[in-house]
Amino acid sequence: MKTNKVILTSVMLILLLLASTASAATLNVGSKEKYKTIQSAVNAAIPGDIIQVASGTYKENVKITKELYIVGTKYPNVYGFYYDKGKSGTINGFTITKKGVTANNAGANAIIRNNYFNNCGITLQGKSSYGVTIMNNQIKGGTVALYNTYDQTLKGNTISNSKYGLYVGDKNSIPTVAKNTFKNCNYGVYLYGWKQNPGKLITFTDNSYIKNKVNIGWGMNKL
């Protein structure tokens, strides 16, 4: 009898999950689509919807006001994204050229992956910017900067030609940093506020450091 109840509960959970997934709408953005701008699609969407963005150039710094899956086709060019206070979601498959991705007390458990950043990066700050996954991005001429956040994961990114590849503020917990490449940077990783060699206290996992002036640095240099 107890086994039957467990099976019934599992089936109900699966049905609820399928119903939730099925209810998500896809809003298409592009010159030939209903939505011409990413922001107009974001404004019209409800939490959990997918924003599918066609290739092209979008001169927008998109304000993410709800939890959405924002996905690019063939890496459309966009100025940037920022998470509104308390909001989150996924940004996947864009070329980001001016503003980067920013979150101030927002973006909890957000996913930022498979993007190209040119002369801009990712800045997260505030205790509500926790649990963010930054994965498989190519960042050239920009920095991943973390201030007063915690439980971040950086994995599989390549960060190059920057003053700082990863900059960790003094009130920030040490993120998980694994399988990234830091290349041609002044500092591959910089830990602000540290007074002793962080290499003896912190173990990053399987990262590559190529032709940086300093691989892992510390001190009082401000970004």
N, C-alpha and C. Protein backbone atom coordinates (compact mmCIF):
# COMPACT_ATOMS: atom_id res chain seq x y z
N MET A 1 0.83 -1.20 0.00
CA MET A 1 0.00 0.00 0.00
C MET A 1 0.86 1.26 0.00
N LYS A 2 1.91 1.21 0.87
CA LYS A 2 2.81 2.34 0.93
C LYS A 2 3.52 2.54 -0.40
N THR A 3 3.91 1.45 -1.05
CA THR A 3 4.59 1.53 -2.35
C THR A 3 3.69 2.19 -3.39
N ASN A 4 2.42 1.85 -3.38
CA ASN A 4 1.48 2.46 -4.33
C ASN A 4 1.38 3.96 -4.12
N LYS A 5 1.39 4.40 -2.86
CA LYS A 5 1.32 5.83 -2.57
C LYS A 5 2.56 6.56 -3.09
N VAL A 6 3.73 5.93 -2.93
CA VAL A 6 4.96 6.52 -3.43
C VAL A 6 4.93 6.66 -4.93
N ILE A 7 4.47 5.58 -5.61
CA ILE A 7 4.38 5.61 -7.07
C ILE A 7 3.41 6.69 -7.53
N LEU A 8 2.27 6.79 -6.85
CA LEU A 8 1.27 7.78 -7.22
C LEU A 8 1.82 9.19 -7.03
N THR A 9 2.52 9.42 -5.94
CA THR A 9 3.11 10.74 -5.69
C THR A 9 4.13 11.09 -6.76
N SER A 10 4.96 10.14 -7.15
CA SER A 10 5.97 10.37 -8.19
C SER A 10 5.32 10.71 -9.52
N VAL A 11 4.27 9.99 -9.87
CA VAL A 11 3.56 10.25 -11.12
C VAL A 11 2.95 11.65 -11.11
N MET A 12 2.37 12.04 -9.98
CA MET A 12 1.77 13.37 -9.88
C MET A 12 2.82 14.46 -10.04
N LEU A 13 4.00 14.26 -9.45
CA LEU A 13 5.07 15.24 -9.58
C LEU A 13 5.53 15.36 -11.03
N ILE A 14 5.66 14.23 -11.71
CA ILE A 14 6.06 14.25 -13.12
C ILE A 14 5.02 14.98 -13.97
N LEU A 15 3.75 14.72 -13.71
CA LEU A 15 2.69 15.39 -14.46
C LEU A 15 2.68 16.88 -14.23
N LEU A 16 2.93 17.28 -12.98
CA LEU A 16 2.99 18.71 -12.68
C LEU A 16 4.16 19.37 -13.39
N LEU A 17 5.32 18.67 -13.43
CA LEU A 17 6.48 19.21 -14.13
C LEU A 17 6.21 19.34 -15.62
N LEU A 18 5.60 18.33 -16.21
CA LEU A 18 5.28 18.39 -17.64
C LEU A 18 4.29 19.50 -17.94
N ALA A 19 3.31 19.67 -17.08
CA ALA A 19 2.32 20.73 -17.27
C ALA A 19 2.97 22.09 -17.19
N SER A 20 3.92 22.25 -16.25
CA SER A 20 4.62 23.52 -16.12
C SER A 20 5.44 23.84 -17.36
N THR A 21 6.16 22.82 -17.88
CA THR A 21 6.96 23.01 -19.07
C THR A 21 6.10 23.32 -20.28
N ALA A 22 4.98 22.61 -20.40
CA ALA A 22 4.10 22.80 -21.55
C ALA A 22 3.47 24.19 -21.56
N SER A 23 3.30 24.79 -20.38
CA SER A 23 2.64 26.08 -20.30
C SER A 23 3.56 27.23 -20.70
N ALA A 24 4.87 26.98 -20.78
CA ALA A 24 5.81 28.04 -21.17
C ALA A 24 5.62 28.38 -22.64
N ALA A 25 5.56 29.68 -22.92
CA ALA A 25 5.41 30.15 -24.29
C ALA A 25 6.77 30.55 -24.84
N THR A 26 6.91 30.52 -26.17
CA THR A 26 8.10 31.01 -26.85
C THR A 26 7.75 32.28 -27.60
N LEU A 27 8.43 33.36 -27.28
CA LEU A 27 8.22 34.65 -27.95
C LEU A 27 9.41 34.89 -28.86
N ASN A 28 9.14 35.06 -30.15
CA ASN A 28 10.20 35.21 -31.14
C ASN A 28 10.48 36.67 -31.42
N VAL A 29 11.77 36.99 -31.49
CA VAL A 29 12.22 38.36 -31.72
C VAL A 29 13.03 38.42 -33.00
N GLY A 30 12.76 39.40 -33.85
CA GLY A 30 13.52 39.57 -35.08
C GLY A 30 12.82 40.55 -36.00
N SER A 31 13.48 40.91 -37.07
CA SER A 31 12.91 41.90 -37.99
C SER A 31 11.63 41.42 -38.65
N LYS A 32 11.46 40.08 -38.76
CA LYS A 32 10.27 39.53 -39.40
C LYS A 32 9.30 38.91 -38.39
N GLU A 33 9.57 39.15 -37.11
CA GLU A 33 8.76 38.54 -36.06
C GLU A 33 7.83 39.58 -35.43
N LYS A 34 6.92 39.11 -34.61
CA LYS A 34 5.99 40.00 -33.92
C LYS A 34 6.73 41.00 -33.06
N TYR A 35 7.78 40.53 -32.39
CA TYR A 35 8.54 41.41 -31.50
C TYR A 35 9.83 41.83 -32.20
N LYS A 36 9.99 43.14 -32.35
CA LYS A 36 11.15 43.67 -33.06
C LYS A 36 12.33 43.91 -32.12
N THR A 37 12.07 44.05 -30.85
CA THR A 37 13.12 44.27 -29.88
C THR A 37 13.04 43.19 -28.79
N ILE A 38 14.17 42.93 -28.17
CA ILE A 38 14.20 41.96 -27.08
C ILE A 38 13.38 42.50 -25.90
N GLN A 39 13.52 43.80 -25.63
CA GLN A 39 12.82 44.37 -24.49
C GLN A 39 11.31 44.25 -24.62
N SER A 40 10.78 44.43 -25.82
CA SER A 40 9.33 44.33 -25.99
C SER A 40 8.85 42.91 -25.71
N ALA A 41 9.66 41.91 -26.08
CA ALA A 41 9.30 40.52 -25.79
C ALA A 41 9.39 40.24 -24.29
N VAL A 42 10.42 40.76 -23.64
CA VAL A 42 10.55 40.60 -22.19
C VAL A 42 9.34 41.20 -21.48
N ASN A 43 8.95 42.37 -21.91
CA ASN A 43 7.81 43.05 -21.28
C ASN A 43 6.52 42.26 -21.44
N ALA A 44 6.38 41.57 -22.58
CA ALA A 44 5.14 40.83 -22.85
C ALA A 44 5.13 39.44 -22.23
N ALA A 45 6.29 38.92 -21.89
CA ALA A 45 6.41 37.54 -21.40
C ALA A 45 5.93 37.40 -19.97
N ILE A 46 5.71 36.16 -19.58
CA ILE A 46 5.44 35.84 -18.19
C ILE A 46 6.59 34.95 -17.69
N PRO A 47 6.82 34.90 -16.38
CA PRO A 47 7.94 34.10 -15.87
C PRO A 47 7.93 32.67 -16.39
N GLY A 48 9.09 32.21 -16.81
CA GLY A 48 9.23 30.86 -17.35
C GLY A 48 9.17 30.79 -18.86
N ASP A 49 8.79 31.88 -19.52
CA ASP A 49 8.73 31.89 -20.99
C ASP A 49 10.13 31.88 -21.60
N ILE A 50 10.17 31.51 -22.88
CA ILE A 50 11.40 31.51 -23.66
C ILE A 50 11.37 32.69 -24.63
N ILE A 51 12.43 33.49 -24.63
CA ILE A 51 12.58 34.57 -25.61
C ILE A 51 13.62 34.08 -26.62
N GLN A 52 13.18 33.80 -27.85
CA GLN A 52 14.07 33.30 -28.90
C GLN A 52 14.41 34.46 -29.83
N VAL A 53 15.69 34.82 -29.88
CA VAL A 53 16.12 36.02 -30.59
C VAL A 53 16.85 35.63 -31.87
N ALA A 54 16.36 36.12 -33.02
CA ALA A 54 16.98 35.84 -34.31
C ALA A 54 18.30 36.60 -34.45
N SER A 55 19.15 36.14 -35.37
CA SER A 55 20.42 36.84 -35.61
C SER A 55 20.14 38.26 -36.07
N GLY A 56 21.08 39.15 -35.79
CA GLY A 56 20.91 40.56 -36.11
C GLY A 56 21.55 41.41 -35.04
N THR A 57 21.35 42.71 -35.12
CA THR A 57 21.90 43.65 -34.15
C THR A 57 20.77 44.34 -33.40
N TYR A 58 20.87 44.30 -32.08
CA TYR A 58 19.84 44.88 -31.20
C TYR A 58 20.53 45.90 -30.30
N LYS A 59 20.27 47.17 -30.60
CA LYS A 59 20.94 48.25 -29.86
C LYS A 59 20.20 48.51 -28.56
N GLU A 60 20.26 47.52 -27.68
CA GLU A 60 19.49 47.56 -26.44
C GLU A 60 20.36 47.14 -25.26
N ASN A 61 20.12 47.74 -24.12
CA ASN A 61 20.60 47.21 -22.85
C ASN A 61 19.36 46.68 -22.15
N VAL A 62 19.13 45.39 -22.30
CA VAL A 62 17.84 44.78 -21.98
C VAL A 62 17.67 44.65 -20.46
N LYS A 63 16.56 45.16 -19.97
CA LYS A 63 16.23 45.07 -18.55
C LYS A 63 15.40 43.80 -18.32
N ILE A 64 15.97 42.86 -17.56
CA ILE A 64 15.30 41.60 -17.30
C ILE A 64 14.44 41.76 -16.06
N THR A 65 13.15 41.75 -16.25
CA THR A 65 12.20 42.08 -15.17
C THR A 65 11.45 40.86 -14.64
N LYS A 66 11.79 39.70 -15.14
CA LYS A 66 11.15 38.46 -14.68
C LYS A 66 12.06 37.29 -15.06
N GLU A 67 11.80 36.13 -14.49
CA GLU A 67 12.66 34.98 -14.78
C GLU A 67 12.30 34.39 -16.13
N LEU A 68 13.26 34.47 -17.07
CA LEU A 68 13.03 34.06 -18.45
C LEU A 68 14.24 33.31 -18.98
N TYR A 69 14.02 32.58 -20.07
CA TYR A 69 15.09 31.96 -20.82
C TYR A 69 15.29 32.77 -22.10
N ILE A 70 16.37 33.53 -22.17
CA ILE A 70 16.62 34.40 -23.32
C ILE A 70 17.73 33.77 -24.14
N VAL A 71 17.39 33.33 -25.35
CA VAL A 71 18.28 32.48 -26.14
C VAL A 71 18.50 33.12 -27.51
N GLY A 72 19.75 33.22 -27.93
CA GLY A 72 20.06 33.77 -29.23
C GLY A 72 20.25 32.70 -30.28
N THR A 73 19.90 33.03 -31.54
CA THR A 73 20.14 32.17 -32.69
C THR A 73 21.28 32.76 -33.50
N LYS A 74 22.36 32.03 -33.67
CA LYS A 74 23.53 32.48 -34.41
C LYS A 74 24.14 33.75 -33.79
N TYR A 75 24.13 33.83 -32.50
CA TYR A 75 24.80 34.86 -31.73
C TYR A 75 24.44 36.28 -32.15
N PRO A 76 23.19 36.67 -31.99
CA PRO A 76 22.81 38.06 -32.28
C PRO A 76 23.61 39.03 -31.42
N ASN A 77 23.83 40.21 -31.98
CA ASN A 77 24.60 41.26 -31.32
C ASN A 77 23.68 42.13 -30.48
N VAL A 78 23.98 42.27 -29.20
CA VAL A 78 23.17 43.10 -28.31
C VAL A 78 24.10 43.91 -27.43
N TYR A 79 23.69 45.12 -27.06
CA TYR A 79 24.56 45.97 -26.24
C TYR A 79 24.78 45.37 -24.85
N GLY A 80 23.72 44.84 -24.25
CA GLY A 80 23.91 44.28 -22.92
C GLY A 80 22.60 43.84 -22.28
N PHE A 81 22.74 43.27 -21.08
CA PHE A 81 21.59 42.84 -20.28
C PHE A 81 21.84 43.25 -18.82
N TYR A 82 20.77 43.61 -18.13
CA TYR A 82 20.92 43.74 -16.69
C TYR A 82 19.69 43.21 -15.99
N TYR A 83 19.96 42.51 -14.90
CA TYR A 83 18.89 41.92 -14.11
C TYR A 83 18.31 42.98 -13.19
N ASP A 84 17.00 43.18 -13.29
CA ASP A 84 16.32 44.10 -12.40
C ASP A 84 16.33 43.52 -10.98
N LYS A 85 16.10 44.36 -10.01
CA LYS A 85 16.20 43.95 -8.61
C LYS A 85 15.33 42.72 -8.32
N GLY A 86 15.98 41.69 -7.80
CA GLY A 86 15.27 40.48 -7.40
C GLY A 86 14.94 39.53 -8.53
N LYS A 87 15.33 39.84 -9.76
CA LYS A 87 14.98 39.00 -10.91
C LYS A 87 16.16 38.14 -11.34
N SER A 88 15.85 37.11 -12.15
CA SER A 88 16.87 36.14 -12.53
C SER A 88 16.61 35.68 -13.96
N GLY A 89 17.17 34.51 -14.33
CA GLY A 89 16.91 33.96 -15.65
C GLY A 89 18.20 33.54 -16.35
N THR A 90 18.05 33.11 -17.61
CA THR A 90 19.15 32.57 -18.40
C THR A 90 19.43 33.47 -19.60
N ILE A 91 20.72 33.72 -19.85
CA ILE A 91 21.17 34.44 -21.05
C ILE A 91 22.11 33.50 -21.79
N ASN A 92 21.76 33.12 -23.01
CA ASN A 92 22.50 32.06 -23.70
C ASN A 92 22.60 32.37 -25.19
N GLY A 93 23.83 32.48 -25.69
CA GLY A 93 24.02 32.51 -27.13
C GLY A 93 24.01 33.88 -27.78
N PHE A 94 24.64 34.88 -27.15
CA PHE A 94 24.67 36.24 -27.69
C PHE A 94 26.09 36.73 -27.86
N THR A 95 26.23 37.74 -28.74
CA THR A 95 27.44 38.54 -28.80
C THR A 95 27.11 39.86 -28.11
N ILE A 96 27.82 40.16 -27.03
CA ILE A 96 27.50 41.30 -26.19
C ILE A 96 28.66 42.29 -26.29
N THR A 97 28.36 43.55 -26.64
CA THR A 97 29.41 44.42 -27.15
C THR A 97 29.67 45.70 -26.38
N LYS A 98 28.78 46.13 -25.52
CA LYS A 98 28.99 47.44 -24.89
C LYS A 98 28.80 47.42 -23.37
N LYS A 99 27.67 46.98 -22.91
CA LYS A 99 27.31 47.09 -21.50
C LYS A 99 27.61 45.83 -20.69
N GLY A 100 27.78 44.71 -21.37
CA GLY A 100 27.99 43.46 -20.66
C GLY A 100 26.73 42.98 -19.97
N VAL A 101 26.92 42.17 -18.93
CA VAL A 101 25.80 41.68 -18.11
C VAL A 101 26.04 42.16 -16.68
N THR A 102 25.03 42.80 -16.10
CA THR A 102 25.17 43.33 -14.74
C THR A 102 23.98 42.91 -13.89
N ALA A 103 24.25 42.80 -12.59
CA ALA A 103 23.19 42.51 -11.63
C ALA A 103 23.55 43.16 -10.31
N ASN A 104 22.63 43.94 -9.77
CA ASN A 104 22.81 44.59 -8.47
C ASN A 104 21.69 44.12 -7.56
N ASN A 105 22.04 43.25 -6.61
CA ASN A 105 21.03 42.62 -5.76
C ASN A 105 19.94 41.94 -6.60
N ALA A 106 20.39 41.21 -7.58
CA ALA A 106 19.48 40.50 -8.49
C ALA A 106 20.24 39.32 -9.09
N GLY A 107 19.53 38.52 -9.88
CA GLY A 107 20.17 37.45 -10.62
C GLY A 107 20.42 36.18 -9.84
N ALA A 108 19.73 35.98 -8.72
CA ALA A 108 19.96 34.76 -7.94
C ALA A 108 19.76 33.52 -8.80
N ASN A 109 20.76 32.64 -8.80
CA ASN A 109 20.72 31.38 -9.56
C ASN A 109 20.60 31.59 -11.07
N ALA A 110 20.98 32.75 -11.55
CA ALA A 110 20.96 33.00 -12.99
C ALA A 110 22.02 32.15 -13.68
N ILE A 111 21.84 31.95 -14.99
CA ILE A 111 22.81 31.21 -15.81
C ILE A 111 23.21 32.12 -16.97
N ILE A 112 24.50 32.36 -17.09
CA ILE A 112 25.05 33.18 -18.18
C ILE A 112 26.04 32.28 -18.91
N ARG A 113 25.67 31.81 -20.10
CA ARG A 113 26.51 30.81 -20.74
C ARG A 113 26.53 30.93 -22.26
N ASN A 114 27.61 30.47 -22.85
CA ASN A 114 27.75 30.38 -24.31
C ASN A 114 27.61 31.73 -25.00
N ASN A 115 28.15 32.78 -24.39
CA ASN A 115 28.10 34.11 -24.98
C ASN A 115 29.51 34.59 -25.33
N TYR A 116 29.56 35.54 -26.29
CA TYR A 116 30.79 36.24 -26.62
C TYR A 116 30.69 37.67 -26.09
N PHE A 117 31.67 38.08 -25.32
CA PHE A 117 31.73 39.45 -24.81
C PHE A 117 32.92 40.15 -25.44
N ASN A 118 32.66 41.32 -26.05
CA ASN A 118 33.73 42.10 -26.66
C ASN A 118 33.86 43.44 -25.94
N ASN A 119 34.99 43.65 -25.27
CA ASN A 119 35.28 44.88 -24.54
C ASN A 119 34.25 45.18 -23.46
N CYS A 120 33.70 44.16 -22.87
CA CYS A 120 32.79 44.29 -21.73
C CYS A 120 32.79 42.95 -21.01
N GLY A 121 32.14 42.91 -19.84
CA GLY A 121 32.18 41.68 -19.07
C GLY A 121 30.94 41.48 -18.24
N ILE A 122 31.13 40.91 -17.06
CA ILE A 122 30.02 40.55 -16.17
C ILE A 122 30.31 41.14 -14.80
N THR A 123 29.36 41.90 -14.25
CA THR A 123 29.51 42.48 -12.92
C THR A 123 28.33 42.09 -12.06
N LEU A 124 28.59 41.41 -10.96
CA LEU A 124 27.56 41.00 -10.02
C LEU A 124 27.88 41.60 -8.67
N GLN A 125 26.86 42.18 -8.02
CA GLN A 125 27.10 42.75 -6.70
C GLN A 125 25.84 42.66 -5.85
N GLY A 126 26.07 42.49 -4.56
CA GLY A 126 24.96 42.41 -3.61
C GLY A 126 24.63 40.99 -3.23
N LYS A 127 24.13 40.82 -2.01
CA LYS A 127 23.86 39.48 -1.48
C LYS A 127 22.76 38.74 -2.22
N SER A 128 21.94 39.46 -2.98
CA SER A 128 20.88 38.79 -3.75
C SER A 128 21.39 38.28 -5.10
N SER A 129 22.68 38.50 -5.38
CA SER A 129 23.28 37.97 -6.60
C SER A 129 24.05 36.69 -6.28
N TYR A 130 23.35 35.71 -5.75
CA TYR A 130 24.03 34.49 -5.32
C TYR A 130 23.70 33.33 -6.27
N GLY A 131 24.57 32.32 -6.25
CA GLY A 131 24.31 31.09 -6.99
C GLY A 131 24.33 31.22 -8.49
N VAL A 132 25.00 32.26 -9.03
CA VAL A 132 25.02 32.47 -10.48
C VAL A 132 26.05 31.53 -11.11
N THR A 133 25.67 30.92 -12.25
CA THR A 133 26.58 30.09 -13.03
C THR A 133 27.04 30.86 -14.26
N ILE A 134 28.34 31.04 -14.40
CA ILE A 134 28.95 31.73 -15.55
C ILE A 134 29.78 30.67 -16.27
N MET A 135 29.33 30.26 -17.44
CA MET A 135 29.87 29.03 -18.03
C MET A 135 30.05 29.13 -19.54
N ASN A 136 31.22 28.69 -20.01
CA ASN A 136 31.50 28.55 -21.45
C ASN A 136 31.34 29.86 -22.23
N ASN A 137 31.69 30.98 -21.60
CA ASN A 137 31.68 32.26 -22.28
C ASN A 137 33.08 32.61 -22.79
N GLN A 138 33.12 33.41 -23.85
CA GLN A 138 34.37 33.96 -24.36
C GLN A 138 34.34 35.46 -24.08
N ILE A 139 35.24 35.91 -23.19
CA ILE A 139 35.24 37.31 -22.78
C ILE A 139 36.58 37.92 -23.18
N LYS A 140 36.53 38.88 -24.09
CA LYS A 140 37.75 39.53 -24.58
C LYS A 140 37.70 41.01 -24.23
N GLY A 141 38.69 41.45 -23.48
CA GLY A 141 38.74 42.86 -23.11
C GLY A 141 37.77 43.23 -22.01
N GLY A 142 37.31 42.25 -21.24
CA GLY A 142 36.36 42.50 -20.15
C GLY A 142 36.71 41.69 -18.92
N THR A 143 36.00 41.93 -17.85
CA THR A 143 36.29 41.34 -16.54
C THR A 143 35.03 40.70 -15.96
N VAL A 144 35.19 39.60 -15.26
CA VAL A 144 34.14 39.10 -14.38
C VAL A 144 34.43 39.67 -12.99
N ALA A 145 33.57 40.57 -12.52
CA ALA A 145 33.78 41.27 -11.25
C ALA A 145 32.67 40.88 -10.27
N LEU A 146 33.07 40.47 -9.08
CA LEU A 146 32.13 39.99 -8.06
C LEU A 146 32.31 40.81 -6.79
N TYR A 147 31.21 41.38 -6.30
CA TYR A 147 31.25 42.20 -5.10
C TYR A 147 30.15 41.75 -4.13
N ASN A 148 30.53 41.32 -2.95
CA ASN A 148 29.56 41.02 -1.88
C ASN A 148 28.52 40.00 -2.33
N THR A 149 28.95 39.03 -3.11
CA THR A 149 28.07 37.94 -3.55
C THR A 149 28.63 36.63 -3.01
N TYR A 150 27.92 35.54 -3.23
CA TYR A 150 28.44 34.26 -2.77
C TYR A 150 27.87 33.12 -3.61
N ASP A 151 28.57 31.99 -3.53
CA ASP A 151 28.15 30.75 -4.19
C ASP A 151 28.08 30.89 -5.70
N GLN A 152 29.06 31.59 -6.28
CA GLN A 152 29.13 31.71 -7.74
C GLN A 152 29.98 30.58 -8.31
N THR A 153 29.68 30.20 -9.55
CA THR A 153 30.48 29.19 -10.25
C THR A 153 30.93 29.73 -11.59
N LEU A 154 32.24 29.73 -11.82
CA LEU A 154 32.81 30.07 -13.12
C LEU A 154 33.48 28.82 -13.67
N LYS A 155 33.00 28.38 -14.83
CA LYS A 155 33.50 27.13 -15.37
C LYS A 155 33.58 27.20 -16.89
N GLY A 156 34.72 26.82 -17.42
CA GLY A 156 34.87 26.68 -18.87
C GLY A 156 34.90 27.96 -19.65
N ASN A 157 35.15 29.10 -19.00
CA ASN A 157 35.21 30.37 -19.69
C ASN A 157 36.63 30.65 -20.17
N THR A 158 36.74 31.47 -21.22
CA THR A 158 38.03 32.00 -21.64
C THR A 158 37.97 33.52 -21.52
N ILE A 159 38.87 34.07 -20.71
CA ILE A 159 38.91 35.52 -20.48
C ILE A 159 40.29 36.00 -20.91
N SER A 160 40.31 36.96 -21.84
CA SER A 160 41.59 37.35 -22.43
C SER A 160 41.68 38.86 -22.62
N ASN A 161 42.93 39.33 -22.72
CA ASN A 161 43.23 40.72 -23.07
C ASN A 161 42.54 41.72 -22.14
N SER A 162 42.56 41.42 -20.85
CA SER A 162 41.91 42.27 -19.87
C SER A 162 42.91 42.70 -18.81
N LYS A 163 42.61 43.80 -18.13
CA LYS A 163 43.43 44.18 -16.99
C LYS A 163 43.29 43.14 -15.89
N TYR A 164 42.03 42.75 -15.61
CA TYR A 164 41.74 41.69 -14.67
C TYR A 164 40.81 40.68 -15.36
N GLY A 165 41.17 39.41 -15.33
CA GLY A 165 40.24 38.41 -15.85
C GLY A 165 39.08 38.21 -14.89
N LEU A 166 39.40 37.79 -13.67
CA LEU A 166 38.42 37.65 -12.60
C LEU A 166 38.85 38.56 -11.46
N TYR A 167 37.94 39.43 -11.02
CA TYR A 167 38.21 40.35 -9.91
C TYR A 167 37.23 40.03 -8.79
N VAL A 168 37.75 39.65 -7.63
CA VAL A 168 36.91 39.27 -6.49
C VAL A 168 37.06 40.32 -5.40
N GLY A 169 35.96 41.00 -5.07
CA GLY A 169 35.99 42.04 -4.05
C GLY A 169 36.18 41.47 -2.65
N ASP A 170 36.53 42.36 -1.71
CA ASP A 170 36.91 41.91 -0.38
C ASP A 170 35.74 41.37 0.44
N LYS A 171 34.51 41.74 0.10
CA LYS A 171 33.34 41.25 0.83
C LYS A 171 32.69 40.06 0.12
N ASN A 172 33.37 39.54 -0.87
CA ASN A 172 32.82 38.44 -1.66
C ASN A 172 33.40 37.11 -1.19
N SER A 173 32.57 36.08 -1.13
CA SER A 173 33.11 34.75 -0.86
C SER A 173 33.88 34.27 -2.07
N ILE A 174 34.82 33.36 -1.87
CA ILE A 174 35.62 32.86 -2.98
C ILE A 174 34.75 31.96 -3.84
N PRO A 175 34.62 32.28 -5.13
CA PRO A 175 33.75 31.47 -6.00
C PRO A 175 34.41 30.15 -6.38
N THR A 176 33.61 29.26 -6.95
CA THR A 176 34.15 28.05 -7.56
C THR A 176 34.68 28.41 -8.94
N VAL A 177 35.96 28.16 -9.17
CA VAL A 177 36.62 28.56 -10.42
C VAL A 177 37.28 27.32 -11.00
N ALA A 178 36.74 26.80 -12.10
CA ALA A 178 37.22 25.52 -12.62
C ALA A 178 37.26 25.52 -14.15
N LYS A 179 38.34 25.01 -14.69
CA LYS A 179 38.50 24.75 -16.13
C LYS A 179 38.33 26.01 -16.98
N ASN A 180 38.73 27.16 -16.42
CA ASN A 180 38.75 28.40 -17.18
C ASN A 180 40.13 28.65 -17.77
N THR A 181 40.19 29.50 -18.79
CA THR A 181 41.46 29.94 -19.34
C THR A 181 41.57 31.45 -19.17
N PHE A 182 42.65 31.89 -18.54
CA PHE A 182 42.96 33.31 -18.38
C PHE A 182 44.19 33.60 -19.22
N LYS A 183 44.03 34.50 -20.19
CA LYS A 183 45.07 34.65 -21.21
C LYS A 183 45.34 36.13 -21.49
N ASN A 184 46.61 36.48 -21.55
CA ASN A 184 47.04 37.84 -21.92
C ASN A 184 46.41 38.92 -21.05
N CYS A 185 46.27 38.65 -19.78
CA CYS A 185 45.71 39.63 -18.84
C CYS A 185 46.84 40.19 -17.96
N ASN A 186 46.64 41.41 -17.44
CA ASN A 186 47.58 41.91 -16.43
C ASN A 186 47.54 41.00 -15.21
N TYR A 187 46.33 40.68 -14.77
CA TYR A 187 46.11 39.72 -13.70
C TYR A 187 45.07 38.71 -14.19
N GLY A 188 45.41 37.43 -14.20
CA GLY A 188 44.39 36.44 -14.53
C GLY A 188 43.27 36.48 -13.52
N VAL A 189 43.64 36.40 -12.24
CA VAL A 189 42.70 36.50 -11.12
C VAL A 189 43.27 37.51 -10.13
N TYR A 190 42.40 38.40 -9.61
CA TYR A 190 42.84 39.36 -8.60
C TYR A 190 41.88 39.33 -7.43
N LEU A 191 42.43 39.18 -6.22
CA LEU A 191 41.65 39.12 -4.99
C LEU A 191 41.91 40.38 -4.18
N TYR A 192 40.93 41.27 -4.20
CA TYR A 192 41.08 42.56 -3.53
C TYR A 192 41.04 42.39 -2.01
N GLY A 193 41.94 43.09 -1.33
CA GLY A 193 41.93 43.11 0.13
C GLY A 193 42.77 42.03 0.78
N TRP A 194 43.32 41.11 0.00
CA TRP A 194 44.15 40.06 0.57
C TRP A 194 45.53 40.62 0.89
N LYS A 195 46.10 40.16 2.01
CA LYS A 195 47.40 40.66 2.45
C LYS A 195 48.49 39.59 2.41
N GLN A 196 48.12 38.42 1.91
CA GLN A 196 49.11 37.36 1.78
C GLN A 196 48.83 36.57 0.52
N ASN A 197 49.77 35.77 0.12
CA ASN A 197 49.68 35.04 -1.14
C ASN A 197 48.47 34.12 -1.16
N PRO A 198 47.44 34.41 -1.99
CA PRO A 198 46.25 33.56 -2.02
C PRO A 198 46.50 32.19 -2.60
N GLY A 199 47.59 32.07 -3.36
CA GLY A 199 47.91 30.76 -3.94
C GLY A 199 48.17 29.69 -2.91
N LYS A 200 48.54 30.11 -1.70
CA LYS A 200 48.78 29.15 -0.63
C LYS A 200 47.51 28.81 0.15
N LEU A 201 46.45 29.59 -0.08
CA LEU A 201 45.22 29.41 0.69
C LEU A 201 44.04 28.96 -0.15
N ILE A 202 44.11 29.15 -1.45
CA ILE A 202 42.98 28.88 -2.33
C ILE A 202 43.41 27.89 -3.40
N THR A 203 42.60 26.92 -3.65
CA THR A 203 42.86 25.97 -4.72
C THR A 203 41.78 26.12 -5.80
N PHE A 204 42.15 26.65 -6.94
CA PHE A 204 41.28 26.64 -8.09
C PHE A 204 41.55 25.34 -8.86
N THR A 205 40.57 24.90 -9.64
CA THR A 205 40.65 23.56 -10.23
C THR A 205 40.83 23.61 -11.74
N ASP A 206 41.95 23.09 -12.20
CA ASP A 206 42.17 22.83 -13.63
C ASP A 206 42.00 24.08 -14.50
N ASN A 207 42.45 25.23 -14.00
CA ASN A 207 42.44 26.44 -14.83
C ASN A 207 43.75 26.55 -15.59
N SER A 208 43.70 27.25 -16.72
CA SER A 208 44.91 27.48 -17.52
C SER A 208 45.24 28.97 -17.48
N TYR A 209 46.53 29.27 -17.31
CA TYR A 209 47.01 30.65 -17.28
C TYR A 209 48.05 30.80 -18.38
N ILE A 210 47.77 31.67 -19.35
CA ILE A 210 48.61 31.78 -20.53
C ILE A 210 49.05 33.24 -20.72
N LYS A 211 50.32 33.48 -20.60
CA LYS A 211 50.93 34.78 -20.92
C LYS A 211 50.29 35.94 -20.15
N ASN A 212 49.87 35.70 -18.91
CA ASN A 212 49.45 36.81 -18.05
C ASN A 212 50.68 37.41 -17.39
N LYS A 213 50.63 38.71 -17.05
CA LYS A 213 51.72 39.29 -16.29
C LYS A 213 51.76 38.67 -14.89
N VAL A 214 50.57 38.49 -14.28
CA VAL A 214 50.45 37.82 -13.00
C VAL A 214 49.27 36.86 -13.11
N ASN A 215 49.44 35.62 -12.73
CA ASN A 215 48.34 34.66 -12.83
C ASN A 215 47.29 34.87 -11.74
N ILE A 216 47.73 34.84 -10.48
CA ILE A 216 46.84 35.10 -9.36
C ILE A 216 47.49 36.16 -8.48
N GLY A 217 46.83 37.32 -8.39
CA GLY A 217 47.38 38.42 -7.61
C GLY A 217 46.46 38.83 -6.49
N TRP A 218 46.97 39.68 -5.62
CA TRP A 218 46.19 40.12 -4.47
C TRP A 218 46.72 41.47 -4.01
N GLY A 219 45.91 42.18 -3.21
CA GLY A 219 46.32 43.48 -2.71
C GLY A 219 45.17 44.44 -2.65
N MET A 220 45.45 45.71 -2.90
CA MET A 220 44.45 46.77 -2.74
C MET A 220 44.19 47.54 -4.02
N ASN A 221 44.47 46.95 -5.16
CA ASN A 221 44.18 47.61 -6.44
C ASN A 221 42.68 47.63 -6.70
N LYS A 222 42.14 48.79 -6.97
CA LYS A 222 40.71 48.89 -7.29
C LYS A 222 40.50 48.68 -8.78
N LEU A 223 39.35 48.14 -9.11
CA LEU A 223 39.03 47.82 -10.49
C LEU A 223 38.93 49.11 -11.31
